[in-house]
Amino acid sequence: MQGTPSDPTHRQPQAGLAPARLRRLRLAALIEGTTLVALLLLAVPLKHLAGLPGAVSLIGPIHGVAFLGYLALVLHAYAGGGWRAGEIARLIIAAFIPFGAWFSIRQLKRKQAKAYA
């Protein structure tokens, strides 16, 4: 039967491109990017302009955990195959740039569409 795993023309995507993995990666990028923007545009100004260092003390560790989780998911996806080193480098570099996560999310959506076209 055409389109089934027993069909010789059926193309099984690599583990690094599994839909669930790409969805988790997009969600992690969104969380990491949102916490970075909150840290830079909310917490740091509150610390320096309003004298409220508690905002950085709260959002900073949350962003740190989000960043490490995102990095782990990116590396796990790379290990699963189907990724070029340049793609992974762009995902990691974007995590250091405010609003870069939205670039990554767009890249991940294109990657998923291409893998399952």
Protein backbone atom coordinates (compact mmCIF):
# COMPACT_ATOMS: atom_id res chain seq x y z
CA MET A 1 0.00 0.00 0.00
CA GLN A 2 1.42 3.36 -1.01
CA GLY A 3 2.43 5.79 1.76
CA THR A 4 2.80 3.11 4.43
CA PRO A 5 6.07 2.02 6.03
CA SER A 6 5.99 -1.22 4.01
CA ASP A 7 5.87 0.80 0.76
CA PRO A 8 9.43 1.06 -0.68
CA THR A 9 8.73 4.67 -1.78
CA HIS A 10 7.71 5.70 1.74
CA ARG A 11 10.31 8.05 3.14
CA GLN A 12 10.82 7.82 6.89
CA PRO A 13 12.21 11.09 8.28
CA GLN A 14 15.24 10.99 10.53
CA ALA A 15 14.68 11.10 14.28
CA GLY A 16 16.01 14.67 14.46
CA LEU A 17 13.14 15.78 12.23
CA ALA A 18 10.27 14.01 14.01
CA PRO A 19 7.21 16.30 14.22
CA ALA A 20 6.96 16.04 18.01
CA ARG A 21 10.65 16.89 18.36
CA LEU A 22 10.32 19.93 16.08
CA ARG A 23 7.23 21.12 17.99
CA ARG A 24 9.10 20.84 21.31
CA LEU A 25 12.03 22.70 19.80
CA ARG A 26 9.75 25.52 18.58
CA LEU A 27 8.11 25.74 22.00
CA ALA A 28 11.51 25.82 23.72
CA ALA A 29 12.65 28.57 21.33
CA LEU A 30 9.54 30.59 22.16
CA ILE A 31 10.05 30.20 25.91
CA GLU A 32 13.78 30.96 25.71
CA GLY A 33 13.20 34.00 23.50
CA THR A 34 10.39 35.34 25.65
CA THR A 35 12.43 35.04 28.85
CA LEU A 36 15.42 36.74 27.17
CA VAL A 37 13.26 39.66 26.05
CA ALA A 38 11.67 39.88 29.51
CA LEU A 39 15.10 39.89 31.11
CA LEU A 40 16.56 42.55 28.82
CA LEU A 41 13.55 44.82 28.35
CA LEU A 42 11.82 44.45 31.69
CA ALA A 43 14.03 43.15 34.48
CA VAL A 44 17.30 44.96 33.68
CA PRO A 45 15.62 48.38 33.26
CA LEU A 46 13.70 47.82 36.51
CA LYS A 47 16.98 47.05 38.24
CA HIS A 48 18.89 50.05 36.90
CA LEU A 49 16.16 52.68 36.52
CA ALA A 50 13.82 51.84 39.38
CA GLY A 51 16.26 50.25 41.82
CA LEU A 52 14.41 46.91 41.81
CA PRO A 53 17.06 44.19 41.56
CA GLY A 54 14.50 41.53 42.48
CA ALA A 55 13.24 41.42 38.91
CA VAL A 56 16.62 40.23 37.62
CA SER A 57 16.90 37.81 40.54
CA LEU A 58 13.57 36.31 39.50
CA ILE A 59 13.72 36.33 35.69
CA GLY A 60 17.47 35.66 35.36
CA PRO A 61 17.41 32.08 36.66
CA ILE A 62 14.20 31.33 34.77
CA HIS A 63 15.89 32.45 31.56
CA GLY A 64 19.00 30.42 32.43
CA VAL A 65 16.99 27.22 32.79
CA ALA A 66 15.04 28.01 29.60
CA PHE A 67 18.28 28.61 27.68
CA LEU A 68 19.89 25.39 28.88
CA GLY A 69 16.75 23.41 28.05
CA TYR A 70 16.64 24.92 24.57
CA LEU A 71 20.31 24.20 24.01
CA ALA A 72 19.83 20.59 25.11
CA LEU A 73 16.90 20.15 22.71
CA VAL A 74 18.86 21.68 19.81
CA LEU A 75 21.80 19.35 20.43
CA HIS A 76 19.48 16.36 20.83
CA ALA A 77 17.80 17.16 17.51
CA TYR A 78 21.21 17.45 15.84
CA ALA A 79 22.25 14.08 17.23
CA GLY A 80 19.07 12.57 15.77
CA GLY A 81 20.21 13.45 12.26
CA GLY A 82 18.77 15.41 9.39
CA TRP A 83 20.47 18.69 10.33
CA ARG A 84 23.41 20.55 8.85
CA ALA A 85 25.92 22.12 11.23
CA GLY A 86 25.09 25.57 9.83
CA GLU A 87 21.41 25.16 10.72
CA ILE A 88 22.30 24.24 14.29
CA ALA A 89 24.74 27.14 14.53
CA ARG A 90 22.00 29.57 13.42
CA LEU A 91 19.58 28.18 16.03
CA ILE A 92 22.18 28.60 18.78
CA ILE A 93 23.36 32.07 17.70
CA ALA A 94 19.75 33.28 17.47
CA ALA A 95 19.28 32.36 21.14
CA PHE A 96 21.76 35.10 22.09
CA ILE A 97 19.95 37.81 20.11
CA PRO A 98 16.81 39.49 21.45
CA PHE A 99 13.88 38.45 19.24
CA GLY A 100 16.16 35.89 17.55
CA ALA A 101 13.88 33.11 18.76
CA TRP A 102 11.23 34.19 16.27
CA PHE A 103 13.77 33.70 13.48
CA SER A 104 14.43 30.21 14.86
CA ILE A 105 10.73 29.39 15.06
CA ARG A 106 10.29 30.40 11.42
CA GLN A 107 13.34 28.31 10.43
CA LEU A 108 11.97 25.30 12.32
CA LYS A 109 8.56 25.59 10.64
CA ARG A 110 10.24 25.65 7.22
CA LYS A 111 12.38 22.65 8.19
CA GLN A 112 9.31 20.67 9.24
CA ALA A 113 7.39 21.59 6.08
CA LYS A 114 10.35 20.55 3.92
CA ALA A 115 10.83 17.26 5.80
CA TYR A 116 7.21 16.23 5.40
CA ALA A 117 6.47 17.62 1.93
